[in-house]
C-alpha cells in the first residue's frame, strides 16, 4: 500500500484481526440463542408454563409447549429487530460516523448482557429486551467493521465477505446435542426450533453453554461478556477512524489515536506533516462523480431494485428450508430418530464451514485487482464488472440448492447441506460487497440497512408458506417447487449488471472513436 510504513501496516493488521474476532465471537451472539435455551431451561426460566400431560401409553409427561413458545417468541422478535433496525442504524452510521455508532452499539450490547446476567427465573421477562439489545448492538459491530476492507484495496471485497462469513458462521450445535443425548421424542419441538436457527448460530453462546456444563454460572459468563466492552471501546478509539474510512484510500492515510498527536484528528498526513481531512474531499474525478449520486437516485435505481429482489428471494428460500428441515428429515427417514440425528449432525458440521466459504466470493470479486484497466475505464466500472460473476454464481448455487432440497431422496441431502452453507455465505457477503461497489460510500449504511430491512419484511412470506405446508399434510414438495421457480428471478440481477457494463464499454469505444476522428 502506498505510503504505508511498518507502523501503519501493524495497525491495519491489528484492526483486521481484532475486527474478525469481534464479528466471530460477539457480533452475532444473539443467533447462538438455541445453545443458551438449554441453559435457561436448566435454570427454570418460564418453567411455570410447563404442565402435566398424558403420553401415548397413558403415562404422565411434562408438556412444556408453552415454555418453548416463549423462547421461540424471544428469538423471533430479536432476529426481526436485528434486520429491521439496520435501516435507522445505517442512517446513524452515515451521518455520525464510526465512533458515535460504535459507542451506541457498545452501550446497547453491554446493557443487553447485563440484563441477561441479572435475569432469573422470576425475572425471565428481561430476556425479551435483552436479546433485542444484543441483536441491534451486534449488527452495529458488523456494520462498522465492514469498512475495514477499504484499508486493503486489493482485497477489499474478500475482507468484507470474510467479516460477513464470521458473523454468519455456525457452531457445532447439533454435535453438542448428540453428545448430551437430548434427542428424544420429548424434545422434538426443541430440535425444530434449533434447526431454524442453526444456520446463523455463532460460537460465543455455545461456549457459554459448555462453560455452564463445567460449573461456570450463567451470570458470571454474561458479566464477562459485559466486561469485554472495554476491549470494544479500545478498538473504537485506537484501531478505527472517528468518521468513515474513505475508498479509494489516499496515500499515508492514518486513523485512530496516535502517539505523536495530541488531538484525535483522522486524516491523511501529507509529507510536510500537515493533516488534511480526506474523508470529505473527493480523491479524483471518478470518486467525485460517484459521490454526486444522491440517496434518492440510488434508491430508485434499477441496481437497487434488482439487488433487493436478488437478496429477498434467496433469503426466503433459505428460511423455508431451515423451517422445514426437521419435518423433511422425519418424512424421508420414516421417523427413525437415529437417522434424523445423523443428518442433523451432518447439517451442523457443514455450518462450521460458513466462515471458510465466504471469502471465496470476495476473491472472485477481487481477482481483477492489479490488472491494467481499459483506456477511459474508471475503477468503479471495473469493480462493477467483477460483481457479475459473483452475482451469477450465487443465483446458480441457490437454484442447485433448491433443486436438491426439493428432491425427496435422503442421501442427496448431504449435497443439499453443502450447497446451502456455500450459497448462504456467498449471499450475505456478496450483498454487502455489491452495495459497497455499486453505490457511493457515503450511502453505504443507509442502503445496507434498507435492503436488510426490506428483505426482512419480504421474508415474512415464510409464514404463509409454512401454513401451506401444513395444509398439504406436512409435505413441502409443491412449496419447494414453487420457491425453486421463484429463485429464477435472482438471475435478473447479474444480467442487468452485465448489460449495464457492456453498454458503458460500447459507449466508451464510441467516444474514443469520435475523439480520434475529430
Protein backbone atom coordinates (compact mmCIF):
# COMPACT_ATOMS: atom_id res chain seq x y z
CA UNK A 1 0.00 0.00 0.00
CA UNK A 2 1.48 3.29 -0.98
CA UNK A 3 2.78 5.45 1.78
CA UNK A 4 2.19 2.86 4.46
CA UNK A 5 5.01 2.48 6.97
CA UNK A 6 5.58 -0.59 9.12
CA UNK A 7 3.68 1.05 11.97
CA UNK A 8 0.64 1.63 9.78
CA UNK A 9 0.84 -1.93 8.48
CA UNK A 10 0.84 -3.34 12.01
CA UNK A 11 -2.08 -1.10 12.97
CA UNK A 12 -4.10 -2.20 9.94
CA UNK A 13 -3.35 -5.87 10.59
CA UNK A 14 -4.47 -5.43 14.20
CA UNK A 15 -7.62 -3.66 13.01
CA UNK A 16 -8.40 -6.53 10.65
CA UNK A 17 -7.62 -9.33 13.13
CA UNK A 18 -9.47 -7.85 16.10
CA UNK A 19 -12.42 -7.00 13.86
CA UNK A 20 -12.59 -10.61 12.70
CA UNK A 21 -12.60 -11.84 16.30
CA UNK A 22 -15.26 -9.28 17.21
CA UNK A 23 -17.56 -10.43 14.38
CA UNK A 24 -16.94 -14.12 15.07
CA UNK A 25 -17.41 -14.08 18.85
CA UNK A 26 -19.63 -11.10 19.64
CA UNK A 27 -21.49 -9.52 16.71
CA UNK A 28 -23.83 -12.43 16.01
CA UNK A 29 -24.05 -13.76 19.57
CA UNK A 30 -27.83 -13.50 19.59
CA UNK A 31 -28.00 -16.22 16.95
CA UNK A 32 -26.43 -18.64 19.39
CA UNK A 33 -29.78 -18.46 21.19
CA UNK A 34 -30.50 -22.16 20.67
CA UNK A 35 -27.45 -23.12 22.72
CA UNK A 36 -28.45 -20.76 25.51
CA UNK A 37 -32.01 -22.11 25.64
CA UNK A 38 -30.84 -25.36 27.21
CA UNK A 39 -29.03 -23.47 29.97
CA UNK A 40 -32.08 -21.28 30.59
CA UNK A 41 -34.31 -24.35 30.85
CA UNK A 42 -31.99 -25.85 33.44
CA UNK A 43 -32.22 -22.57 35.36
CA UNK A 44 -36.04 -22.81 35.30
CA UNK A 45 -36.86 -19.88 33.02
CA UNK A 46 -40.59 -19.92 32.11
CA UNK A 47 -40.87 -23.33 33.83
CA UNK A 48 -44.25 -22.27 35.25
CA UNK A 49 -45.65 -22.70 31.73
CA UNK A 50 -44.94 -26.44 31.80
CA UNK A 51 -48.00 -28.52 32.66
CA UNK A 52 -48.64 -32.21 33.24
CA UNK A 53 -49.99 -34.08 30.24
CA UNK A 54 -50.80 -37.61 29.19
CA UNK A 55 -48.40 -39.56 26.98
CA UNK A 56 -49.15 -42.14 24.29
CA UNK A 57 -49.37 -45.03 26.78
CA UNK A 58 -51.40 -43.07 29.29
CA UNK A 59 -48.33 -42.11 31.32
CA UNK A 60 -47.90 -38.68 32.81
CA UNK A 61 -45.47 -36.43 30.92
CA UNK A 62 -44.43 -32.81 31.35
CA UNK A 63 -45.73 -30.70 28.49
CA UNK A 64 -43.51 -27.63 28.05
CA UNK A 65 -45.02 -26.34 24.80
CA UNK A 66 -45.84 -23.00 26.46
CA UNK A 67 -42.24 -22.61 27.64
CA UNK A 68 -40.95 -23.41 24.14
CA UNK A 69 -43.30 -20.82 22.63
CA UNK A 70 -41.89 -18.12 24.91
CA UNK A 71 -38.32 -18.95 23.93
CA UNK A 72 -39.28 -19.02 20.25
CA UNK A 73 -41.03 -15.65 20.59
CA UNK A 74 -37.93 -14.09 22.18
CA UNK A 75 -35.74 -15.25 19.30
CA UNK A 76 -38.29 -14.24 16.64
CA UNK A 77 -38.50 -10.68 17.99
CA UNK A 78 -34.72 -10.37 18.37
CA UNK A 79 -33.93 -11.72 14.89
CA UNK A 80 -36.50 -9.41 13.29
CA UNK A 81 -35.09 -6.41 15.19
CA UNK A 82 -31.62 -7.43 14.02
CA UNK A 83 -32.63 -6.99 10.38
CA UNK A 84 -35.30 -4.30 10.50
CA UNK A 85 -33.43 -1.82 12.72
CA UNK A 86 -30.42 -1.99 10.41
CA UNK A 87 -32.15 0.82 8.47
CA UNK A 88 -32.06 3.54 11.19
CA UNK A 89 -28.66 2.24 12.26
CA UNK A 90 -27.43 2.76 8.70
CA UNK A 91 -28.57 6.39 8.75
CA UNK A 92 -26.79 6.82 12.10
CA UNK A 93 -23.57 5.36 10.69
CA UNK A 94 -23.56 7.53 7.57
CA UNK A 95 -24.45 10.70 9.47
CA UNK A 96 -22.26 10.48 12.58
CA UNK A 97 -19.51 8.08 11.59
CA UNK A 98 -17.76 5.16 13.25
CA UNK A 99 -17.08 6.37 16.77
CA UNK A 100 -20.60 7.55 17.59
CA UNK A 101 -22.17 4.46 16.00
CA UNK A 102 -19.89 2.05 17.87
CA UNK A 103 -20.37 3.80 21.20
CA UNK A 104 -24.12 3.45 20.71
CA UNK A 105 -23.73 -0.21 19.73
CA UNK A 106 -21.44 -0.96 22.69
CA UNK A 107 -23.94 0.69 25.04
CA UNK A 108 -26.82 -1.43 23.71
CA UNK A 109 -24.73 -4.61 23.75
CA UNK A 110 -23.50 -4.04 27.30
CA UNK A 111 -26.99 -3.30 28.62
CA UNK A 112 -28.22 -6.48 26.93
CA UNK A 113 -25.53 -8.69 28.51
CA UNK A 114 -26.07 -7.11 31.94
CA UNK A 115 -29.83 -7.72 31.69
CA UNK A 116 -29.25 -11.41 30.88
CA UNK A 117 -26.70 -11.65 33.71
CA UNK A 118 -29.14 -10.33 36.31
CA UNK A 119 -32.20 -12.09 34.96
CA UNK A 120 -33.61 -15.01 36.95
CA UNK A 121 -36.41 -17.49 36.51
CA UNK A 122 -38.61 -14.95 38.32
CA UNK A 123 -37.43 -12.14 36.03
CA UNK A 124 -37.40 -14.16 32.80
CA UNK A 125 -39.30 -11.33 31.10
CA UNK A 126 -35.97 -9.43 30.96
CA UNK A 127 -34.89 -11.76 28.16
CA UNK A 128 -37.24 -10.02 25.70
CA UNK A 129 -35.48 -6.61 25.72
CA UNK A 130 -32.07 -8.15 26.45
CA UNK A 131 -31.89 -10.30 23.33
CA UNK A 132 -33.17 -7.47 21.14
CA UNK A 133 -30.45 -5.17 22.51
CA UNK A 134 -27.82 -7.84 21.82
CA UNK A 135 -29.10 -8.19 18.27
CA UNK A 136 -29.07 -4.46 17.47
CA UNK A 137 -25.70 -3.91 19.15
CA UNK A 138 -24.21 -6.86 17.30
CA UNK A 139 -25.28 -5.71 13.84
CA UNK A 140 -23.68 -2.33 14.59
CA UNK A 141 -20.39 -4.13 15.27
CA UNK A 142 -20.62 -5.82 11.87
CA UNK A 143 -21.62 -2.64 10.04
CA UNK A 144 -18.71 -0.60 11.42
CA UNK A 145 -16.21 -3.40 10.78
CA UNK A 146 -17.07 -3.97 7.11
CA UNK A 147 -15.40 -0.67 6.14
CA UNK A 148 -12.07 -2.18 7.25
CA UNK A 149 -11.93 -3.71 3.76
CA UNK A 150 -11.22 -0.19 2.45
CA UNK A 151 -7.80 -0.34 4.16
CA UNK A 152 -6.79 -3.26 1.94
CA UNK A 153 -7.76 -2.04 -1.52
CA UNK A 154 -6.71 -5.11 -3.49
CA UNK A 155 -8.53 -7.42 -1.05
CA UNK A 156 -11.45 -5.17 -0.21
CA UNK A 157 -14.30 -7.50 -1.21
CA UNK A 158 -12.53 -10.51 0.28
CA UNK A 159 -12.40 -8.89 3.71
CA UNK A 160 -16.00 -7.66 3.53
CA UNK A 161 -17.22 -11.16 2.70
CA UNK A 162 -14.96 -12.70 5.35
CA UNK A 163 -16.46 -10.47 8.04
CA UNK A 164 -19.95 -11.41 6.93
CA UNK A 165 -18.94 -15.07 6.99
CA UNK A 166 -17.59 -14.69 10.52
CA UNK A 167 -20.86 -13.06 11.61
CA UNK A 168 -22.83 -15.79 9.92
CA UNK A 169 -20.65 -18.79 10.81
CA UNK A 170 -22.25 -21.61 12.76
CA UNK A 171 -21.08 -23.72 15.65
CA UNK A 172 -21.25 -27.47 16.13
CA UNK A 173 -24.59 -27.15 17.85
CA UNK A 174 -26.06 -30.48 16.84
CA UNK A 175 -22.87 -32.28 17.82
CA UNK A 176 -23.32 -30.94 21.34
CA UNK A 177 -26.92 -32.12 21.24
CA UNK A 178 -25.76 -35.60 20.28
CA UNK A 179 -23.10 -35.74 22.99
CA UNK A 180 -25.64 -34.70 25.60
CA UNK A 181 -28.11 -37.32 24.33
CA UNK A 182 -31.05 -34.98 24.32
CA UNK A 183 -32.50 -36.12 21.02
CA UNK A 184 -35.63 -37.75 22.43
CA UNK A 185 -39.27 -37.68 21.47
CA UNK A 186 -39.87 -35.31 24.36
CA UNK A 187 -37.58 -32.73 22.78
CA UNK A 188 -38.93 -32.76 19.21
CA UNK A 189 -40.11 -29.13 19.49
CA UNK A 190 -36.65 -28.12 20.74
CA UNK A 191 -35.00 -29.74 17.73
CA UNK A 192 -37.39 -28.00 15.33
CA UNK A 193 -36.51 -24.63 16.84
CA UNK A 194 -32.80 -25.49 16.75
CA UNK A 195 -32.96 -26.40 13.07
CA UNK A 196 -34.48 -23.00 12.30
CA UNK A 197 -31.68 -21.05 13.93
CA UNK A 198 -28.67 -23.32 13.45
CA UNK A 199 -27.67 -21.78 10.11
CA UNK A 200 -26.82 -18.49 11.83
CA UNK A 201 -25.54 -19.72 15.21
CA UNK A 202 -22.24 -18.25 16.34
CA UNK A 203 -19.69 -19.71 18.70
CA UNK A 204 -19.95 -17.44 21.76
CA UNK A 205 -23.21 -18.71 23.24
CA UNK A 206 -22.24 -22.29 22.51
CA UNK A 207 -19.08 -21.61 24.53
CA UNK A 208 -21.23 -20.25 27.34
CA UNK A 209 -23.25 -23.45 27.30
CA UNK A 210 -20.08 -25.56 27.55
CA UNK A 211 -18.79 -23.37 30.38
CA UNK A 212 -22.12 -23.78 32.17
CA UNK A 213 -21.71 -27.54 31.95
CA UNK A 214 -18.30 -27.12 33.62
CA UNK A 215 -19.88 -25.32 36.55
CA UNK A 216 -19.48 -21.69 35.42
CA UNK A 217 -22.59 -19.74 36.37
CA UNK A 218 -24.68 -18.07 33.69
CA UNK A 219 -24.36 -14.72 35.48
CA UNK A 220 -20.55 -14.95 35.54
CA UNK A 221 -20.42 -15.71 31.83
CA UNK A 222 -22.55 -12.73 30.85
CA UNK A 223 -20.76 -10.39 33.24
CA UNK A 224 -17.56 -11.44 31.47
CA UNK A 225 -19.18 -10.53 28.13
CA UNK A 226 -20.12 -7.17 29.65
CA UNK A 227 -16.53 -6.61 30.74
CA UNK A 228 -15.36 -7.29 27.19
CA UNK A 229 -16.96 -3.97 26.25
CA UNK A 230 -13.71 -2.40 27.44
CA UNK A 231 -11.96 -4.16 24.55
CA UNK A 232 -14.62 -2.88 22.13
CA UNK A 233 -14.01 0.65 23.41
CA UNK A 234 -10.24 0.33 22.94
CA UNK A 235 -10.80 -0.84 19.35
CA UNK A 236 -13.10 2.10 18.75
CA UNK A 237 -10.55 4.73 19.77
CA UNK A 238 -7.24 3.15 18.74
CA UNK A 239 -7.99 0.87 15.78
CA UNK A 240 -10.88 2.56 13.95
CA UNK A 241 -11.45 6.05 12.49
CA UNK A 242 -13.68 8.69 14.01
CA UNK A 243 -15.68 9.11 10.80
CA UNK A 244 -15.55 6.73 7.83
CA UNK A 245 -12.67 5.00 6.04
CA UNK A 246 -12.56 6.51 2.52
CA UNK A 247 -12.31 4.48 -0.68
CA UNK A 248 -10.11 4.58 -2.68
CA UNK A 249 -7.69 5.00 0.20
CA UNK A 250 -5.34 8.03 -0.05
CA UNK A 251 -1.61 7.75 0.46
CA UNK A 252 -0.38 8.00 4.07
CA UNK A 253 -3.90 7.66 5.46
CA UNK A 254 -3.93 7.44 9.27
CA UNK A 255 -6.69 6.82 11.78
CA UNK A 256 -7.23 6.31 15.47
CA UNK A 257 -5.32 7.94 18.34
CA UNK A 258 -1.62 8.21 17.54
CA UNK A 259 1.19 8.78 19.98
CA UNK A 260 2.65 11.73 18.08
CA UNK A 261 -0.60 13.73 18.05
CA UNK A 262 -2.27 15.47 20.94
CA UNK A 263 -5.58 15.58 19.14
CA UNK A 264 -7.64 12.82 17.58
CA UNK A 265 -7.95 14.08 14.05
CA UNK A 266 -8.49 11.49 11.39
CA UNK A 267 -6.99 12.27 8.05
CA UNK A 268 -4.22 11.98 5.63
CA UNK A 269 -0.76 13.04 6.79
CA UNK A 270 0.99 14.75 3.95
CA UNK A 271 4.75 14.65 3.56
CA UNK A 272 5.09 18.13 5.03
CA UNK A 273 3.41 16.96 8.23
CA UNK A 274 0.13 18.80 7.78
CA UNK A 275 -3.11 16.91 8.44
CA UNK A 276 -5.74 17.08 5.76
CA UNK A 277 -9.24 15.76 6.15
CA UNK A 278 -9.64 13.35 3.31
CA UNK A 279 -12.91 11.76 4.26
CA UNK A 280 -14.91 14.64 2.90
CA UNK A 281 -12.71 15.51 -0.11
CA UNK A 282 -13.08 13.64 -3.41
CA UNK A 283 -9.83 11.90 -4.31
CA UNK A 284 -10.29 12.01 -8.05
CA UNK A 285 -12.83 12.73 -10.74
CA UNK A 286 -14.23 9.22 -10.60
CA UNK A 287 -14.82 9.46 -6.88
CA UNK A 288 -16.32 12.91 -7.29
CA UNK A 289 -18.82 11.70 -9.86
CA UNK A 290 -19.65 8.75 -7.67
CA UNK A 291 -20.29 10.94 -4.63
CA UNK A 292 -22.63 13.22 -6.58
CA UNK A 293 -25.27 10.50 -6.76
CA UNK A 294 -27.95 11.23 -4.18
CA UNK A 295 -29.51 8.69 -1.85
CA UNK A 296 -32.83 9.07 -3.68
CA UNK A 297 -31.15 8.31 -7.02
CA UNK A 298 -29.57 5.19 -5.52
CA UNK A 299 -32.88 4.11 -4.04
CA UNK A 300 -34.77 4.47 -7.33
CA UNK A 301 -32.06 2.90 -9.48
CA UNK A 302 -32.63 -0.44 -11.14
CA UNK A 303 -29.47 -1.72 -9.46
CA UNK A 304 -31.07 -1.32 -6.03
CA UNK A 305 -34.43 -2.76 -7.10
CA UNK A 306 -32.95 -5.88 -8.71
CA UNK A 307 -30.46 -6.31 -5.87
CA UNK A 308 -33.28 -6.23 -3.33
CA UNK A 309 -35.16 -8.89 -5.31
CA UNK A 310 -31.95 -10.95 -5.68
CA UNK A 311 -31.40 -10.97 -1.90
CA UNK A 312 -35.03 -11.40 -0.88
CA UNK A 313 -35.95 -14.44 -2.98
CA UNK A 314 -32.83 -16.36 -1.97
CA UNK A 315 -33.14 -15.43 1.69
CA UNK A 316 -36.76 -16.62 1.69
CA UNK A 317 -35.62 -19.90 0.13
CA UNK A 318 -33.10 -20.44 2.94
CA UNK A 319 -35.57 -19.55 5.68
CA UNK A 320 -38.14 -22.02 4.41
CA UNK A 321 -35.53 -24.77 4.11
CA UNK A 322 -34.44 -24.29 7.72
CA UNK A 323 -38.04 -24.08 8.93
CA UNK A 324 -38.99 -27.36 7.24
CA UNK A 325 -35.69 -29.22 7.75
CA UNK A 326 -36.81 -31.34 10.70
CA UNK A 327 -40.21 -32.33 9.22
CA UNK A 328 -38.50 -33.14 5.91
CA UNK A 329 -35.97 -35.41 7.61
CA UNK A 330 -38.73 -37.03 9.65
CA UNK A 331 -40.62 -37.80 6.44
CA UNK A 332 -37.58 -39.06 4.48
CA UNK A 333 -36.36 -41.29 7.34
CA UNK A 334 -39.84 -42.57 8.24
CA UNK A 335 -39.35 -41.13 11.72
CA UNK A 336 -36.20 -43.11 12.58
CA UNK A 337 -34.60 -40.92 15.26
CA UNK A 338 -31.04 -42.24 14.78
CA UNK A 339 -31.09 -41.30 11.09
CA UNK A 340 -32.58 -37.89 11.82
CA UNK A 341 -29.84 -37.33 14.39
CA UNK A 342 -27.20 -38.41 11.87
CA UNK A 343 -28.40 -35.96 9.24
CA UNK A 344 -28.88 -33.06 11.64
CA UNK A 345 -25.31 -33.63 12.86
CA UNK A 346 -24.13 -33.58 9.24
CA UNK A 347 -26.00 -30.30 8.79
CA UNK A 348 -24.23 -28.86 11.84
CA UNK A 349 -20.79 -29.88 10.56
CA UNK A 350 -21.36 -28.17 7.22
CA UNK A 351 -22.38 -24.97 9.01
CA UNK A 352 -18.89 -24.78 10.52
CA UNK A 353 -17.59 -24.04 7.02
CA UNK A 354 -19.52 -20.78 6.64
CA UNK A 355 -16.59 -18.57 7.61
CA UNK A 356 -14.33 -20.52 5.22
CA UNK A 357 -16.69 -20.29 2.23
CA UNK A 358 -17.45 -16.57 2.43
CA UNK A 359 -14.00 -15.25 1.33
CA UNK A 360 -14.20 -17.25 -1.91
CA UNK A 361 -16.83 -14.82 -3.14
CA UNK A 362 -14.60 -11.88 -2.26
CA UNK A 363 -11.67 -13.46 -4.10
CA UNK A 364 -13.86 -13.78 -7.19
CA UNK A 365 -14.71 -10.07 -7.00
CA UNK A 366 -11.12 -9.00 -6.29
CA UNK A 367 -9.48 -11.11 -8.98
CA UNK A 368 -9.19 -8.12 -11.35
CA UNK A 369 -7.18 -6.00 -8.89
CA UNK A 370 -3.75 -5.14 -10.17
CA UNK A 371 -4.65 -5.71 -13.81
CA UNK A 372 -4.40 -2.75 -16.22
CA UNK A 373 -7.68 -1.02 -16.98
CA UNK A 374 -9.02 -0.21 -20.40
CA UNK A 375 -8.49 3.34 -21.59
CA UNK A 376 -11.12 5.62 -20.07
CA UNK A 377 -12.43 2.91 -17.75
CA UNK A 378 -12.97 4.02 -14.15
CA UNK A 379 -12.17 1.87 -11.11
CA UNK A 380 -15.85 1.69 -10.19
CA UNK A 381 -16.70 0.30 -13.64
CA UNK A 382 -14.04 -2.39 -13.22
CA UNK A 383 -15.32 -3.28 -9.75
CA UNK A 384 -18.89 -3.40 -11.01
CA UNK A 385 -17.97 -5.67 -13.90
CA UNK A 386 -16.26 -8.01 -11.44
CA UNK A 387 -19.51 -8.44 -9.49
CA UNK A 388 -21.34 -10.03 -12.43
CA UNK A 389 -19.73 -13.45 -11.97
CA UNK A 390 -20.28 -13.31 -8.20
CA UNK A 391 -23.97 -12.45 -8.55
CA UNK A 392 -24.49 -15.14 -11.19
CA UNK A 393 -22.72 -17.88 -9.20
CA UNK A 394 -24.75 -17.02 -6.10
CA UNK A 395 -28.02 -17.32 -8.03
CA UNK A 396 -26.84 -20.57 -9.65
CA UNK A 397 -25.90 -22.03 -6.26
CA UNK A 398 -29.34 -21.17 -4.91
CA UNK A 399 -31.04 -22.85 -7.87
CA UNK A 400 -29.00 -26.05 -7.45
CA UNK A 401 -29.53 -26.00 -3.68
CA UNK A 402 -33.28 -25.55 -4.14
CA UNK A 403 -33.49 -28.40 -6.65
CA UNK A 404 -31.63 -30.75 -4.27
CA UNK A 405 -33.78 -29.67 -1.31
CA UNK A 406 -36.92 -30.32 -3.35
CA UNK A 407 -35.84 -33.84 -4.30
CA UNK A 408 -37.25 -36.42 -1.84
CA UNK A 409 -34.11 -38.59 -1.80
CA UNK A 410 -32.40 -38.84 1.59
CA UNK A 411 -28.69 -39.33 0.64
CA UNK A 412 -28.92 -36.30 -1.67
CA UNK A 413 -29.44 -34.09 1.40
CA UNK A 414 -25.72 -34.24 2.17
CA UNK A 415 -25.14 -32.31 -1.05
CA UNK A 416 -28.06 -30.03 -0.12
CA UNK A 417 -26.34 -29.10 3.16
CA UNK A 418 -23.09 -28.28 1.37
CA UNK A 419 -24.80 -26.13 -1.26
CA UNK A 420 -26.89 -24.41 1.41
CA UNK A 421 -23.94 -23.20 3.52
CA UNK A 422 -21.95 -22.26 0.39
CA UNK A 423 -24.84 -20.26 -1.05
CA UNK A 424 -25.65 -18.57 2.26
CA UNK A 425 -22.02 -17.48 2.66
CA UNK A 426 -21.95 -16.08 -0.89
CA UNK A 427 -25.34 -14.41 -0.42
CA UNK A 428 -24.72 -12.22 2.62
CA UNK A 429 -21.09 -11.44 1.87
CA UNK A 430 -21.93 -10.62 -1.75
CA UNK A 431 -24.81 -8.42 -0.63
CA UNK A 432 -22.54 -6.12 1.38
CA UNK A 433 -19.75 -6.20 -1.21
CA UNK A 434 -22.06 -5.25 -4.10
CA UNK A 435 -23.57 -2.31 -2.20
CA UNK A 436 -20.06 -1.04 -1.39
CA UNK A 437 -19.09 -1.24 -5.08
CA UNK A 438 -22.23 -0.07 -6.90
CA UNK A 439 -23.14 2.93 -4.74
CA UNK A 440 -21.32 5.87 -3.11
CA UNK A 441 -19.65 5.02 0.18
CA UNK A 442 -21.46 7.89 1.90
CA UNK A 443 -24.74 5.98 1.43
CA UNK A 444 -23.45 2.51 2.36
CA UNK A 445 -25.00 2.37 5.83
CA UNK A 446 -28.39 3.61 4.67
CA UNK A 447 -28.59 1.32 1.63
CA UNK A 448 -27.29 -1.72 3.51
CA UNK A 449 -29.79 -1.07 6.29
CA UNK A 450 -32.67 -0.51 3.88
CA UNK A 451 -32.04 -3.65 1.84
CA UNK A 452 -31.77 -5.75 5.01
CA UNK A 453 -34.96 -4.23 6.44
CA UNK A 454 -36.99 -4.71 3.26
CA UNK A 455 -35.70 -8.26 2.79
CA UNK A 456 -36.74 -8.98 6.39
CA UNK A 457 -40.27 -7.83 5.57
CA UNK A 458 -40.23 -9.99 2.43
CA UNK A 459 -39.10 -12.98 4.49
CA UNK A 460 -42.36 -12.83 6.45
CA UNK A 461 -43.81 -14.71 3.48
CA UNK A 462 -42.30 -17.82 5.06
CA UNK A 463 -45.24 -17.98 7.48
CA UNK A 464 -47.94 -18.43 4.80
CA UNK A 465 -45.57 -20.96 3.21
CA UNK A 466 -45.40 -22.87 6.49
CA UNK A 467 -49.20 -22.76 6.69
CA UNK A 468 -49.46 -24.11 3.14
CA UNK A 469 -47.12 -26.97 4.02
CA UNK A 470 -49.40 -27.88 6.92
CA UNK A 471 -52.41 -27.86 4.57
CA UNK A 472 -50.50 -30.28 2.33
CA UNK A 473 -50.19 -32.76 5.23
CA UNK A 474 -46.66 -31.62 6.03
CA UNK A 475 -45.27 -32.37 2.58
CA UNK A 476 -43.24 -29.34 1.39
CA UNK A 477 -42.67 -30.70 -2.15
CA UNK A 478 -45.01 -28.35 -4.01
CA UNK A 479 -43.94 -25.33 -1.96
CA UNK A 480 -40.30 -26.21 -2.68
CA UNK A 481 -41.03 -26.43 -6.40
CA UNK A 482 -42.73 -23.03 -6.29
CA UNK A 483 -39.76 -21.46 -4.49
CA UNK A 484 -37.36 -23.08 -6.95
CA UNK A 485 -39.18 -21.36 -9.79
CA UNK A 486 -39.22 -18.11 -7.79
CA UNK A 487 -35.46 -18.32 -7.29
CA UNK A 488 -35.03 -18.00 -11.09
CA UNK A 489 -35.83 -14.29 -10.63
CA UNK A 490 -32.43 -13.90 -8.96
CA UNK A 491 -30.75 -14.26 -12.38
CA UNK A 492 -32.23 -10.94 -13.50
CA UNK A 493 -29.79 -9.00 -11.31
CA UNK A 494 -26.48 -10.30 -12.77
CA UNK A 495 -27.95 -9.99 -16.26
CA UNK A 496 -28.89 -6.36 -15.58
CA UNK A 497 -25.41 -5.52 -14.27
CA UNK A 498 -23.77 -7.29 -17.25
CA UNK A 499 -25.89 -5.35 -19.78
CA UNK A 500 -25.07 -2.09 -17.98
CA UNK A 501 -21.33 -2.80 -18.08
CA UNK A 502 -21.49 -3.77 -21.77
CA UNK A 503 -23.40 -0.57 -22.54
CA UNK A 504 -20.77 1.51 -20.75
CA UNK A 505 -18.00 -0.28 -22.64
CA UNK A 506 -19.71 0.32 -26.01
CA UNK A 507 -20.24 3.98 -25.17
CA UNK A 508 -16.59 4.34 -24.22
CA UNK A 509 -15.49 2.83 -27.53
CA UNK A 510 -17.80 5.20 -29.45
CA UNK A 511 -16.48 8.22 -27.57
CA UNK A 512 -12.91 7.15 -28.28
CA UNK A 513 -13.68 6.73 -31.99
CA UNK A 514 -15.33 10.17 -32.16
CA UNK A 515 -12.36 11.74 -30.41
CA UNK A 516 -9.89 10.17 -32.82
CA UNK A 517 -11.95 11.16 -35.88
CA UNK A 518 -12.20 14.75 -34.74
